[in-house]
PDB file of N, CA and C in Angstrom:
ATOM      1  N   UNK A   1      12.822   8.469 -33.735  1.00  0.00           N
ATOM      2  CA  UNK A   1      11.690   8.532 -32.851  1.00  0.00           C
ATOM      3  C   UNK A   1      11.926   9.586 -31.765  1.00  0.00           C
ATOM      4  N   UNK A   2      13.175   9.741 -31.360  1.00  0.00           N
ATOM      5  CA  UNK A   2      13.477  10.750 -30.343  1.00  0.00           C
ATOM      6  C   UNK A   2      13.196  12.146 -30.898  1.00  0.00           C
ATOM      7  N   UNK A   3      13.534  12.374 -32.159  1.00  0.00           N
ATOM      8  CA  UNK A   3      13.276  13.670 -32.778  1.00  0.00           C
ATOM      9  C   UNK A   3      11.776  13.951 -32.845  1.00  0.00           C
ATOM     10  N   UNK A   4      10.997  12.954 -33.224  1.00  0.00           N
ATOM     11  CA  UNK A   4       9.542  13.116 -33.288  1.00  0.00           C
ATOM     12  C   UNK A   4       8.985  13.437 -31.907  1.00  0.00           C
ATOM     13  N   UNK A   5       9.439  12.709 -30.897  1.00  0.00           N
ATOM     14  CA  UNK A   5       8.979  12.959 -29.527  1.00  0.00           C
ATOM     15  C   UNK A   5       9.368  14.359 -29.069  1.00  0.00           C
ATOM     16  N   UNK A   6      10.563  14.800 -29.429  1.00  0.00           N
ATOM     17  CA  UNK A   6      11.019  16.133 -29.033  1.00  0.00           C
ATOM     18  C   UNK A   6      10.172  17.221 -29.692  1.00  0.00           C
ATOM     19  N   UNK A   7       9.892  17.065 -30.976  1.00  0.00           N
ATOM     20  CA  UNK A   7       9.070  18.050 -31.684  1.00  0.00           C
ATOM     21  C   UNK A   7       7.652  18.051 -31.122  1.00  0.00           C
ATOM     22  N   UNK A   8       7.095  16.858 -30.887  1.00  0.00           N
ATOM     23  CA  UNK A   8       5.744  16.743 -30.330  1.00  0.00           C
ATOM     24  C   UNK A   8       5.688  17.403 -28.956  1.00  0.00           C
ATOM     25  N   UNK A   9       6.649  17.129 -28.112  1.00  0.00           N
ATOM     26  CA  UNK A   9       6.676  17.709 -26.778  1.00  0.00           C
ATOM     27  C   UNK A   9       6.890  19.214 -26.799  1.00  0.00           C
ATOM     28  N   UNK A  10       7.709  19.685 -27.724  1.00  0.00           N
ATOM     29  CA  UNK A  10       7.950  21.124 -27.831  1.00  0.00           C
ATOM     30  C   UNK A  10       6.669  21.849 -28.230  1.00  0.00           C
ATOM     31  N   UNK A  11       5.799  21.170 -28.928  1.00  0.00           N
ATOM     32  CA  UNK A  11       4.520  21.778 -29.301  1.00  0.00           C
ATOM     33  C   UNK A  11       3.700  22.170 -28.089  1.00  0.00           C
ATOM     34  N   UNK A  12       3.776  21.389 -27.020  1.00  0.00           N
ATOM     35  CA  UNK A  12       3.032  21.710 -25.804  1.00  0.00           C
ATOM     36  C   UNK A  12       3.616  22.939 -25.111  1.00  0.00           C
ATOM     37  N   UNK A  13       4.924  23.063 -25.163  1.00  0.00           N
ATOM     38  CA  UNK A  13       5.567  24.252 -24.590  1.00  0.00           C
ATOM     39  C   UNK A  13       5.126  25.486 -25.380  1.00  0.00           C
ATOM     40  N   UNK A  14       5.104  25.366 -26.705  1.00  0.00           N
ATOM     41  CA  UNK A  14       4.671  26.484 -27.551  1.00  0.00           C
ATOM     42  C   UNK A  14       3.200  26.821 -27.296  1.00  0.00           C
ATOM     43  N   UNK A  15       2.371  25.796 -27.132  1.00  0.00           N
ATOM     44  CA  UNK A  15       0.957  26.037 -26.849  1.00  0.00           C
ATOM     45  C   UNK A  15       0.794  26.765 -25.517  1.00  0.00           C
ATOM     46  N   UNK A  16       1.556  26.346 -24.534  1.00  0.00           N
ATOM     47  CA  UNK A  16       1.469  26.989 -23.217  1.00  0.00           C
ATOM     48  C   UNK A  16       1.904  28.447 -23.311  1.00  0.00           C
ATOM     49  N   UNK A  17       2.975  28.701 -24.050  1.00  0.00           N
ATOM     50  CA  UNK A  17       3.437  30.082 -24.224  1.00  0.00           C
ATOM     51  C   UNK A  17       2.393  30.900 -24.990  1.00  0.00           C
ATOM     52  N   UNK A  18       1.815  30.325 -26.020  1.00  0.00           N
ATOM     53  CA  UNK A  18       0.799  31.027 -26.804  1.00  0.00           C
ATOM     54  C   UNK A  18      -0.456  31.340 -26.016  1.00  0.00           C
ATOM     55  N   UNK A  19      -0.777  30.482 -25.055  1.00  0.00           N
ATOM     56  CA  UNK A  19      -1.995  30.678 -24.271  1.00  0.00           C
ATOM     57  C   UNK A  19      -1.889  31.886 -23.348  1.00  0.00           C
ATOM     58  N   UNK A  20      -0.684  32.404 -23.166  1.00  0.00           N
ATOM     59  CA  UNK A  20      -0.502  33.579 -22.329  1.00  0.00           C
ATOM     60  C   UNK A  20      -0.978  34.856 -23.039  1.00  0.00           C
ATOM     61  N   UNK A  21      -1.115  34.781 -24.361  1.00  0.00           N
ATOM     62  CA  UNK A  21      -1.411  35.985 -25.140  1.00  0.00           C
ATOM     63  C   UNK A  21      -2.801  36.008 -25.764  1.00  0.00           C
ATOM     64  N   UNK A  22      -3.347  34.849 -26.099  1.00  0.00           N
ATOM     65  CA  UNK A  22      -4.672  34.806 -26.736  1.00  0.00           C
ATOM     66  C   UNK A  22      -5.519  33.726 -26.073  1.00  0.00           C
ATOM     67  N   UNK A  23      -6.821  33.804 -26.278  1.00  0.00           N
ATOM     68  CA  UNK A  23      -7.719  32.796 -25.739  1.00  0.00           C
ATOM     69  C   UNK A  23      -7.574  31.477 -26.482  1.00  0.00           C
ATOM     70  N   UNK A  24      -8.088  30.409 -25.875  1.00  0.00           N
ATOM     71  CA  UNK A  24      -7.896  29.098 -26.484  1.00  0.00           C
ATOM     72  C   UNK A  24      -8.683  28.927 -27.775  1.00  0.00           C
ATOM     73  N   UNK A  25      -9.821  29.617 -27.936  1.00  0.00           N
ATOM     74  CA  UNK A  25     -10.547  29.533 -29.207  1.00  0.00           C
ATOM     75  C   UNK A  25      -9.796  30.251 -30.324  1.00  0.00           C
ATOM     76  N   UNK A  26      -9.210  31.394 -29.997  1.00  0.00           N
ATOM     77  CA  UNK A  26      -8.429  32.140 -30.991  1.00  0.00           C
ATOM     78  C   UNK A  26      -7.197  31.329 -31.392  1.00  0.00           C
ATOM     79  N   UNK A  27      -6.534  30.743 -30.406  1.00  0.00           N
ATOM     80  CA  UNK A  27      -5.351  29.934 -30.685  1.00  0.00           C
ATOM     81  C   UNK A  27      -5.718  28.753 -31.584  1.00  0.00           C
ATOM     82  N   UNK A  28      -6.809  28.056 -31.240  1.00  0.00           N
ATOM     83  CA  UNK A  28      -7.263  26.917 -32.050  1.00  0.00           C
ATOM     84  C   UNK A  28      -7.668  27.336 -33.447  1.00  0.00           C
ATOM     85  N   UNK A  29      -8.363  28.455 -33.551  1.00  0.00           N
ATOM     86  CA  UNK A  29      -8.780  28.940 -34.866  1.00  0.00           C
ATOM     87  C   UNK A  29      -7.576  29.255 -35.738  1.00  0.00           C
ATOM     88  N   UNK A  30      -6.555  29.850 -35.149  1.00  0.00           N
ATOM     89  CA  UNK A  30      -5.340  30.162 -35.911  1.00  0.00           C
ATOM     90  C   UNK A  30      -4.653  28.876 -36.379  1.00  0.00           C
ATOM     91  N   UNK A  31      -4.581  27.884 -35.507  1.00  0.00           N
ATOM     92  CA  UNK A  31      -3.967  26.602 -35.892  1.00  0.00           C
ATOM     93  C   UNK A  31      -4.730  25.949 -37.040  1.00  0.00           C
ATOM     94  N   UNK A  32      -6.044  25.924 -36.924  1.00  0.00           N
ATOM     95  CA  UNK A  32      -6.860  25.279 -37.949  1.00  0.00           C
ATOM     96  C   UNK A  32      -6.828  26.059 -39.256  1.00  0.00           C
ATOM     97  N   UNK A  33      -6.790  27.384 -39.178  1.00  0.00           N
ATOM     98  CA  UNK A  33      -6.704  28.198 -40.385  1.00  0.00           C
ATOM     99  C   UNK A  33      -5.384  27.937 -41.106  1.00  0.00           C
ATOM    100  N   UNK A  34      -4.283  27.898 -40.351  1.00  0.00           N
ATOM    101  CA  UNK A  34      -2.982  27.598 -40.968  1.00  0.00           C
ATOM    102  C   UNK A  34      -2.979  26.197 -41.585  1.00  0.00           C
ATOM    103  N   UNK A  35      -3.581  25.239 -40.880  1.00  0.00           N
ATOM    104  CA  UNK A  35      -3.669  23.883 -41.420  1.00  0.00           C
ATOM    105  C   UNK A  35      -4.491  23.833 -42.705  1.00  0.00           C
ATOM    106  N   UNK A  36      -5.616  24.551 -42.709  1.00  0.00           N
ATOM    107  CA  UNK A  36      -6.468  24.582 -43.904  1.00  0.00           C
ATOM    108  C   UNK A  36      -5.738  25.215 -45.079  1.00  0.00           C
ATOM    109  N   UNK A  37      -5.014  26.290 -44.818  1.00  0.00           N
ATOM    110  CA  UNK A  37      -4.257  26.937 -45.893  1.00  0.00           C
ATOM    111  C   UNK A  37      -3.156  26.026 -46.434  1.00  0.00           C
ATOM    112  N   UNK A  38      -2.553  25.230 -45.563  1.00  0.00           N
ATOM    113  CA  UNK A  38      -1.500  24.310 -46.001  1.00  0.00           C
ATOM    114  C   UNK A  38      -2.061  23.184 -46.860  1.00  0.00           C
ATOM    115  N   UNK A  39      -3.293  22.755 -46.577  1.00  0.00           N
ATOM    116  CA  UNK A  39      -3.900  21.634 -47.299  1.00  0.00           C
ATOM    117  C   UNK A  39      -4.624  22.101 -48.561  1.00  0.00           C
ATOM    118  N   UNK A  40      -5.041  23.346 -48.596  1.00  0.00           N
ATOM    119  CA  UNK A  40      -5.850  23.871 -49.691  1.00  0.00           C
ATOM    120  C   UNK A  40      -5.297  23.581 -51.093  1.00  0.00           C
ATOM    121  N   UNK A  41      -3.997  23.707 -51.337  1.00  0.00           N
ATOM    122  CA  UNK A  41      -3.501  23.426 -52.692  1.00  0.00           C
ATOM    123  C   UNK A  41      -3.724  21.974 -53.142  1.00  0.00           C
ATOM    124  N   UNK A  42      -3.917  21.069 -52.206  1.00  0.00           N
ATOM    125  CA  UNK A  42      -4.061  19.660 -52.553  1.00  0.00           C
ATOM    126  C   UNK A  42      -5.518  19.214 -52.671  1.00  0.00           C
ATOM    127  N   UNK A  43      -6.453  20.070 -52.297  1.00  0.00           N
ATOM    128  CA  UNK A  43      -7.864  19.684 -52.258  1.00  0.00           C
ATOM    129  C   UNK A  43      -8.383  19.319 -53.646  1.00  0.00           C
ATOM    130  N   UNK A  44      -8.021  20.038 -54.661  1.00  0.00           N
ATOM    131  CA  UNK A  44      -8.527  19.777 -56.018  1.00  0.00           C
ATOM    132  C   UNK A  44      -8.024  18.440 -56.583  1.00  0.00           C
ATOM    133  N   UNK A  45      -6.936  17.929 -56.068  1.00  0.00           N
ATOM    134  CA  UNK A  45      -6.373  16.676 -56.580  1.00  0.00           C
ATOM    135  C   UNK A  45      -7.187  15.459 -56.179  1.00  0.00           C
ATOM    136  N   UNK A  46      -7.962  15.561 -55.124  1.00  0.00           N
ATOM    137  CA  UNK A  46      -8.725  14.425 -54.620  1.00  0.00           C
ATOM    138  C   UNK A  46     -10.199  14.621 -54.937  1.00  0.00           C
ATOM    139  N   UNK A  47     -10.797  13.588 -55.494  1.00  0.00           N
ATOM    140  CA  UNK A  47     -12.217  13.644 -55.820  1.00  0.00           C
ATOM    141  C   UNK A  47     -12.997  13.056 -54.641  1.00  0.00           C
ATOM    142  N   UNK A  48     -13.420  13.932 -53.735  1.00  0.00           N
ATOM    143  CA  UNK A  48     -14.119  13.490 -52.533  1.00  0.00           C
ATOM    144  C   UNK A  48     -15.621  13.588 -52.775  1.00  0.00           C
ATOM    145  N   UNK A  49     -16.354  12.472 -52.643  1.00  0.00           N
ATOM    146  CA  UNK A  49     -17.806  12.515 -52.856  1.00  0.00           C
ATOM    147  C   UNK A  49     -18.497  13.463 -51.883  1.00  0.00           C
ATOM    148  N   UNK A  50     -19.511  14.153 -52.351  1.00  0.00           N
ATOM    149  CA  UNK A  50     -20.233  15.130 -51.535  1.00  0.00           C
ATOM    150  C   UNK A  50     -20.940  14.501 -50.350  1.00  0.00           C
ATOM    151  N   UNK A  51     -21.220  13.212 -50.421  1.00  0.00           N
ATOM    152  CA  UNK A  51     -21.901  12.546 -49.305  1.00  0.00           C
ATOM    153  C   UNK A  51     -21.034  12.513 -48.054  1.00  0.00           C
ATOM    154  N   UNK A  52     -19.724  12.677 -48.207  1.00  0.00           N
ATOM    155  CA  UNK A  52     -18.831  12.671 -47.061  1.00  0.00           C
ATOM    156  C   UNK A  52     -18.675  14.041 -46.422  1.00  0.00           C
ATOM    157  N   UNK A  53     -19.163  15.087 -47.076  1.00  0.00           N
ATOM    158  CA  UNK A  53     -18.994  16.440 -46.571  1.00  0.00           C
ATOM    159  C   UNK A  53     -19.577  16.637 -45.168  1.00  0.00           C
ATOM    160  N   UNK A  54     -20.811  16.191 -44.880  1.00  0.00           N
ATOM    161  CA  UNK A  54     -21.312  16.369 -43.503  1.00  0.00           C
ATOM    162  C   UNK A  54     -20.436  15.678 -42.460  1.00  0.00           C
ATOM    163  N   UNK A  55     -19.936  14.482 -42.791  1.00  0.00           N
ATOM    164  CA  UNK A  55     -19.070  13.768 -41.850  1.00  0.00           C
ATOM    165  C   UNK A  55     -17.750  14.503 -41.662  1.00  0.00           C
ATOM    166  N   UNK A  56     -17.249  15.106 -42.725  1.00  0.00           N
ATOM    167  CA  UNK A  56     -16.012  15.874 -42.625  1.00  0.00           C
ATOM    168  C   UNK A  56     -16.209  17.093 -41.720  1.00  0.00           C
ATOM    169  N   UNK A  57     -17.349  17.749 -41.850  1.00  0.00           N
ATOM    170  CA  UNK A  57     -17.640  18.920 -41.016  1.00  0.00           C
ATOM    171  C   UNK A  57     -17.781  18.499 -39.551  1.00  0.00           C
ATOM    172  N   UNK A  58     -18.505  17.414 -39.296  1.00  0.00           N
ATOM    173  CA  UNK A  58     -18.677  16.916 -37.924  1.00  0.00           C
ATOM    174  C   UNK A  58     -17.321  16.557 -37.313  1.00  0.00           C
ATOM    175  N   UNK A  59     -16.505  15.866 -38.093  1.00  0.00           N
ATOM    176  CA  UNK A  59     -15.176  15.491 -37.615  1.00  0.00           C
ATOM    177  C   UNK A  59     -14.339  16.721 -37.302  1.00  0.00           C
ATOM    178  N   UNK A  60     -14.398  17.727 -38.167  1.00  0.00           N
ATOM    179  CA  UNK A  60     -13.652  18.960 -37.938  1.00  0.00           C
ATOM    180  C   UNK A  60     -14.108  19.690 -36.681  1.00  0.00           C
ATOM    181  N   UNK A  61     -15.426  19.722 -36.465  1.00  0.00           N
ATOM    182  CA  UNK A  61     -15.951  20.393 -35.270  1.00  0.00           C
ATOM    183  C   UNK A  61     -15.505  19.665 -34.007  1.00  0.00           C
ATOM    184  N   UNK A  62     -15.574  18.327 -34.020  1.00  0.00           N
ATOM    185  CA  UNK A  62     -15.143  17.552 -32.853  1.00  0.00           C
ATOM    186  C   UNK A  62     -13.646  17.739 -32.610  1.00  0.00           C
ATOM    187  N   UNK A  63     -12.865  17.720 -33.677  1.00  0.00           N
ATOM    188  CA  UNK A  63     -11.423  17.925 -33.548  1.00  0.00           C
ATOM    189  C   UNK A  63     -11.113  19.317 -33.006  1.00  0.00           C
ATOM    190  N   UNK A  64     -11.827  20.328 -33.507  1.00  0.00           N
ATOM    191  CA  UNK A  64     -11.618  21.685 -33.011  1.00  0.00           C
ATOM    192  C   UNK A  64     -11.998  21.791 -31.540  1.00  0.00           C
ATOM    193  N   UNK A  65     -13.110  21.165 -31.154  1.00  0.00           N
ATOM    194  CA  UNK A  65     -13.541  21.204 -29.749  1.00  0.00           C
ATOM    195  C   UNK A  65     -12.508  20.534 -28.856  1.00  0.00           C
ATOM    196  N   UNK A  66     -12.000  19.387 -29.293  1.00  0.00           N
ATOM    197  CA  UNK A  66     -10.962  18.701 -28.515  1.00  0.00           C
ATOM    198  C   UNK A  66      -9.710  19.537 -28.396  1.00  0.00           C
ATOM    199  N   UNK A  67      -9.324  20.173 -29.483  1.00  0.00           N
ATOM    200  CA  UNK A  67      -8.136  21.023 -29.467  1.00  0.00           C
ATOM    201  C   UNK A  67      -8.335  22.228 -28.551  1.00  0.00           C
ATOM    202  N   UNK A  68      -9.522  22.839 -28.591  1.00  0.00           N
ATOM    203  CA  UNK A  68      -9.803  23.988 -27.731  1.00  0.00           C
ATOM    204  C   UNK A  68      -9.805  23.583 -26.259  1.00  0.00           C
ATOM    205  N   UNK A  69     -10.383  22.416 -25.961  1.00  0.00           N
ATOM    206  CA  UNK A  69     -10.383  21.941 -24.578  1.00  0.00           C
ATOM    207  C   UNK A  69      -8.962  21.623 -24.110  1.00  0.00           C
ATOM    208  N   UNK A  70      -8.171  21.055 -24.998  1.00  0.00           N
ATOM    209  CA  UNK A  70      -6.771  20.785 -24.654  1.00  0.00           C
ATOM    210  C   UNK A  70      -6.046  22.102 -24.371  1.00  0.00           C
ATOM    211  N   UNK A  71      -6.277  23.091 -25.205  1.00  0.00           N
ATOM    212  CA  UNK A  71      -5.635  24.389 -25.011  1.00  0.00           C
ATOM    213  C   UNK A  71      -6.085  25.030 -23.701  1.00  0.00           C
ATOM    214  N   UNK A  72      -7.348  24.884 -23.359  1.00  0.00           N
ATOM    215  CA  UNK A  72      -7.849  25.412 -22.084  1.00  0.00           C
ATOM    216  C   UNK A  72      -7.173  24.691 -20.922  1.00  0.00           C
ATOM    217  N   UNK A  73      -6.980  23.388 -21.056  1.00  0.00           N
ATOM    218  CA  UNK A  73      -6.316  22.617 -20.011  1.00  0.00           C
ATOM    219  C   UNK A  73      -4.861  22.972 -19.858  1.00  0.00           C
ATOM    220  N   UNK A  74      -4.194  23.248 -20.962  1.00  0.00           N
ATOM    221  CA  UNK A  74      -2.775  23.597 -20.918  1.00  0.00           C
ATOM    222  C   UNK A  74      -2.567  24.877 -20.112  1.00  0.00           C
ATOM    223  N   UNK A  75      -3.567  25.738 -20.128  1.00  0.00           N
ATOM    224  CA  UNK A  75      -3.453  26.997 -19.392  1.00  0.00           C
ATOM    225  C   UNK A  75      -3.442  26.761 -17.880  1.00  0.00           C
ATOM    226  N   UNK A  76      -3.997  25.625 -17.436  1.00  0.00           N
ATOM    227  CA  UNK A  76      -4.128  25.386 -15.999  1.00  0.00           C
ATOM    228  C   UNK A  76      -3.192  24.306 -15.463  1.00  0.00           C
ATOM    229  N   UNK A  77      -2.349  23.725 -16.293  1.00  0.00           N
ATOM    230  CA  UNK A  77      -1.429  22.685 -15.840  1.00  0.00           C
ATOM    231  C   UNK A  77      -0.087  22.851 -16.537  1.00  0.00           C
ATOM    232  N   UNK A  78       0.834  21.979 -16.232  1.00  0.00           N
ATOM    233  CA  UNK A  78       2.150  22.042 -16.880  1.00  0.00           C
ATOM    234  C   UNK A  78       2.080  21.433 -18.272  1.00  0.00           C
ATOM    235  N   UNK A  79       3.041  21.788 -19.102  1.00  0.00           N
ATOM    236  CA  UNK A  79       3.105  21.226 -20.447  1.00  0.00           C
ATOM    237  C   UNK A  79       3.314  19.712 -20.388  1.00  0.00           C
ATOM    238  N   UNK A  80       4.091  19.241 -19.416  1.00  0.00           N
ATOM    239  CA  UNK A  80       4.337  17.800 -19.257  1.00  0.00           C
ATOM    240  C   UNK A  80       3.068  17.031 -18.930  1.00  0.00           C
ATOM    241  N   UNK A  81       2.274  17.569 -17.999  1.00  0.00           N
ATOM    242  CA  UNK A  81       1.010  16.909 -17.662  1.00  0.00           C
ATOM    243  C   UNK A  81       0.049  16.918 -18.840  1.00  0.00           C
ATOM    244  N   UNK A  82       0.004  18.023 -19.568  1.00  0.00           N
ATOM    245  CA  UNK A  82      -0.877  18.100 -20.740  1.00  0.00           C
ATOM    246  C   UNK A  82      -0.460  17.081 -21.796  1.00  0.00           C
ATOM    247  N   UNK A  83       0.832  16.941 -21.999  1.00  0.00           N
ATOM    248  CA  UNK A  83       1.323  15.962 -22.975  1.00  0.00           C
ATOM    249  C   UNK A  83       0.980  14.539 -22.533  1.00  0.00           C
ATOM    250  N   UNK A  84       1.109  14.258 -21.240  1.00  0.00           N
ATOM    251  CA  UNK A  84       0.767  12.929 -20.735  1.00  0.00           C
ATOM    252  C   UNK A  84      -0.712  12.630 -20.936  1.00  0.00           C
ATOM    253  N   UNK A  85      -1.557  13.572 -20.566  1.00  0.00           N
ATOM    254  CA  UNK A  85      -2.997  13.363 -20.708  1.00  0.00           C
ATOM    255  C   UNK A  85      -3.362  13.201 -22.180  1.00  0.00           C
ATOM    256  N   UNK A  86      -2.782  14.020 -23.041  1.00  0.00           N
ATOM    257  CA  UNK A  86      -3.037  13.894 -24.476  1.00  0.00           C
ATOM    258  C   UNK A  86      -2.522  12.557 -24.997  1.00  0.00           C
ATOM    259  N   UNK A  87      -1.366  12.148 -24.517  1.00  0.00           N
ATOM    260  CA  UNK A  87      -0.789  10.868 -24.949  1.00  0.00           C
ATOM    261  C   UNK A  87      -1.618   9.663 -24.542  1.00  0.00           C
ATOM    262  N   UNK A  88      -2.514   9.837 -23.598  1.00  0.00           N
ATOM    263  CA  UNK A  88      -3.368   8.719 -23.191  1.00  0.00           C
ATOM    264  C   UNK A  88      -4.332   8.278 -24.292  1.00  0.00           C
ATOM    265  N   UNK A  89      -4.427   9.057 -25.379  1.00  0.00           N
ATOM    266  CA  UNK A  89      -5.257   8.594 -26.485  1.00  0.00           C
ATOM    267  C   UNK A  89      -4.736   7.264 -27.019  1.00  0.00           C
ATOM    268  N   UNK A  90      -3.456   7.017 -26.824  1.00  0.00           N
ATOM    269  CA  UNK A  90      -2.883   5.729 -27.227  1.00  0.00           C
ATOM    270  C   UNK A  90      -3.570   4.592 -26.480  1.00  0.00           C
ATOM    271  N   UNK A  91      -3.983   4.870 -25.262  1.00  0.00           N
ATOM    272  CA  UNK A  91      -4.676   3.879 -24.442  1.00  0.00           C
ATOM    273  C   UNK A  91      -6.176   3.908 -24.711  1.00  0.00           C
ATOM    274  N   UNK A  92      -6.740   5.089 -24.832  1.00  0.00           N
ATOM    275  CA  UNK A  92      -8.188   5.240 -24.928  1.00  0.00           C
ATOM    276  C   UNK A  92      -8.738   4.754 -26.266  1.00  0.00           C
ATOM    277  N   UNK A  93      -8.058   5.034 -27.368  1.00  0.00           N
ATOM    278  CA  UNK A  93      -8.584   4.667 -28.688  1.00  0.00           C
ATOM    279  C   UNK A  93      -8.808   3.159 -28.829  1.00  0.00           C
ATOM    280  N   UNK A  94      -7.855   2.295 -28.481  1.00  0.00           N
ATOM    281  CA  UNK A  94      -8.124   0.854 -28.602  1.00  0.00           C
ATOM    282  C   UNK A  94      -9.282   0.390 -27.705  1.00  0.00           C
ATOM    283  N   UNK A  95      -9.399   0.996 -26.534  1.00  0.00           N
ATOM    284  CA  UNK A  95     -10.494   0.618 -25.644  1.00  0.00           C
ATOM    285  C   UNK A  95     -11.830   1.040 -26.245  1.00  0.00           C
ATOM    286  N   UNK A  96     -11.901   2.252 -26.785  1.00  0.00           N
ATOM    287  CA  UNK A  96     -13.140   2.702 -27.428  1.00  0.00           C
ATOM    288  C   UNK A  96     -13.471   1.837 -28.646  1.00  0.00           C
ATOM    289  N   UNK A  97     -12.455   1.500 -29.425  1.00  0.00           N
ATOM    290  CA  UNK A  97     -12.693   0.633 -30.595  1.00  0.00           C
ATOM    291  C   UNK A  97     -13.249  -0.715 -30.155  1.00  0.00           C
ATOM    292  N   UNK A  98     -12.736  -1.233 -29.059  1.00  0.00           N
ATOM    293  CA  UNK A  98     -13.231  -2.502 -28.550  1.00  0.00           C
ATOM    294  C   UNK A  98     -14.705  -2.374 -28.155  1.00  0.00           C
ATOM    295  N   UNK A  99     -15.046  -1.264 -27.511  1.00  0.00           N
ATOM    296  CA  UNK A  99     -16.431  -1.057 -27.090  1.00  0.00           C
ATOM    297  C   UNK A  99     -17.369  -0.896 -28.286  1.00  0.00           C
ATOM    298  N   UNK A 100     -16.928  -0.154 -29.303  1.00  0.00           N
ATOM    299  CA  UNK A 100     -17.786   0.095 -30.459  1.00  0.00           C
ATOM    300  C   UNK A 100     -17.890  -1.095 -31.397  1.00  0.00           C
ATOM    301  N   UNK A 101     -16.795  -1.833 -31.571  1.00  0.00           N
ATOM    302  CA  UNK A 101     -16.814  -2.959 -32.511  1.00  0.00           C
ATOM    303  C   UNK A 101     -17.227  -4.272 -31.859  1.00  0.00           C
ATOM    304  N   UNK A 102     -17.260  -4.292 -30.530  1.00  0.00           N
ATOM    305  CA  UNK A 102     -17.624  -5.498 -29.763  1.00  0.00           C
ATOM    306  C   UNK A 102     -16.641  -6.643 -29.978  1.00  0.00           C
ATOM    307  N   UNK A 103     -15.426  -6.311 -30.415  1.00  0.00           N
ATOM    308  CA  UNK A 103     -14.381  -7.313 -30.588  1.00  0.00           C
ATOM    309  C   UNK A 103     -13.350  -7.116 -29.487  1.00  0.00           C
ATOM    310  N   UNK A 104     -12.901  -8.194 -28.854  1.00  0.00           N
ATOM    311  CA  UNK A 104     -11.898  -8.033 -27.792  1.00  0.00           C
ATOM    312  C   UNK A 104     -10.571  -7.542 -28.362  1.00  0.00           C
ATOM    313  N   UNK A 105      -9.916  -6.710 -27.591  1.00  0.00           N
ATOM    314  CA  UNK A 105      -8.609  -6.195 -28.003  1.00  0.00           C
ATOM    315  C   UNK A 105      -7.561  -7.273 -27.774  1.00  0.00           C
ATOM    316  N   UNK A 106      -6.572  -7.352 -28.649  1.00  0.00           N
ATOM    317  CA  UNK A 106      -5.497  -8.330 -28.465  1.00  0.00           C
ATOM    318  C   UNK A 106      -4.712  -8.038 -27.179  1.00  0.00           C
ATOM    319  N   UNK A 107      -4.067  -9.049 -26.659  1.00  0.00           N
ATOM    320  CA  UNK A 107      -3.286  -8.922 -25.434  1.00  0.00           C
ATOM    321  C   UNK A 107      -2.224  -7.834 -25.559  1.00  0.00           C
ATOM    322  N   UNK A 108      -1.606  -7.727 -26.717  1.00  0.00           N
ATOM    323  CA  UNK A 108      -0.547  -6.731 -26.903  1.00  0.00           C
ATOM    324  C   UNK A 108      -1.081  -5.310 -26.702  1.00  0.00           C
ATOM    325  N   UNK A 109      -2.359  -5.095 -27.015  1.00  0.00           N
ATOM    326  CA  UNK A 109      -2.974  -3.777 -26.808  1.00  0.00           C
ATOM    327  C   UNK A 109      -3.005  -3.433 -25.330  1.00  0.00           C
ATOM    328  N   UNK A 110      -3.386  -4.413 -24.513  1.00  0.00           N
ATOM    329  CA  UNK A 110      -3.450  -4.187 -23.071  1.00  0.00           C
ATOM    330  C   UNK A 110      -2.060  -4.010 -22.477  1.00  0.00           C
ATOM    331  N   UNK A 111      -1.099  -4.774 -22.963  1.00  0.00           N
ATOM    332  CA  UNK A 111       0.283  -4.635 -22.484  1.00  0.00           C
ATOM    333  C   UNK A 111       0.800  -3.242 -22.824  1.00  0.00           C
ATOM    334  N   UNK A 112       0.562  -2.790 -24.057  1.00  0.00           N
ATOM    335  CA  UNK A 112       1.011  -1.461 -24.470  1.00  0.00           C
ATOM    336  C   UNK A 112       0.309  -0.364 -23.678  1.00  0.00           C
ATOM    337  N   UNK A 113      -0.974  -0.548 -23.396  1.00  0.00           N
ATOM    338  CA  UNK A 113      -1.720   0.450 -22.623  1.00  0.00           C
ATOM    339  C   UNK A 113      -1.157   0.578 -21.211  1.00  0.00           C
ATOM    340  N   UNK A 114      -0.891  -0.539 -20.580  1.00  0.00           N
ATOM    341  CA  UNK A 114      -0.336  -0.520 -19.227  1.00  0.00           C
ATOM    342  C   UNK A 114       1.051   0.117 -19.242  1.00  0.00           C
ATOM    343  N   UNK A 115       1.855  -0.223 -20.239  1.00  0.00           N
ATOM    344  CA  UNK A 115       3.195   0.358 -20.336  1.00  0.00           C
ATOM    345  C   UNK A 115       3.131   1.868 -20.548  1.00  0.00           C
ATOM    346  N   UNK A 116       2.167   2.340 -21.333  1.00  0.00           N
ATOM    347  CA  UNK A 116       2.029   3.775 -21.584  1.00  0.00           C
ATOM    348  C   UNK A 116       1.679   4.526 -20.314  1.00  0.00           C
ATOM    349  N   UNK A 117       0.808   3.960 -19.497  1.00  0.00           N
ATOM    350  CA  UNK A 117       0.400   4.610 -18.251  1.00  0.00           C
ATOM    351  C   UNK A 117       1.530   4.544 -17.235  1.00  0.00           C
ATOM    352  N   UNK A 118       2.173   3.399 -17.105  1.00  0.00           N
ATOM    353  CA  UNK A 118       3.267   3.234 -16.142  1.00  0.00           C
ATOM    354  C   UNK A 118       4.473   4.094 -16.531  1.00  0.00           C
ATOM    355  N   UNK A 119       4.693   4.249 -17.820  1.00  0.00           N
ATOM    356  CA  UNK A 119       5.852   5.012 -18.300  1.00  0.00           C
ATOM    357  C   UNK A 119       5.889   6.413 -17.751  1.00  0.00           C
ATOM    358  N   UNK A 120       4.756   7.024 -17.546  1.00  0.00           N
ATOM    359  CA  UNK A 120       4.707   8.394 -17.029  1.00  0.00           C
ATOM    360  C   UNK A 120       4.995   8.424 -15.523  1.00  0.00           C
ATOM    361  N   UNK A 121       4.583   7.409 -14.824  1.00  0.00           N
ATOM    362  CA  UNK A 121       4.737   7.447 -13.375  1.00  0.00           C
ATOM    363  C   UNK A 121       6.147   7.083 -12.912  1.00  0.00           C
ATOM    364  N   UNK A 122       6.985   6.627 -13.825  1.00  0.00           N
ATOM    365  CA  UNK A 122       8.352   6.234 -13.450  1.00  0.00           C
ATOM    366  C   UNK A 122       9.238   7.431 -13.262  1.00  0.00           C
TER     367      UNK A 122
END
């Protein structure tokens, strides 16, 4: 887990360094293009119904927008702060799921959310 955290955190340092040379849309486009090229050989193996294509495009656009906004934010703050704010998705996703599904989140979700927020302030 320490190795995963180190690699994840190093990504923010690399993003910050990259933002010094290109705009955040160019940086995001390059990341997504490399990702698409890496996945392309596997696309033919999966039979994805065409009805899911619009949802896939919408999801990709939202993901790209989030990535571009994150890259824009990294340019104006430290890599550590950007990683903390990005890491808050661990807290935000269960709360959003609770709001959308109308089901209360388990106690452990709230305990983990509080621990995630407190962990940064220590």
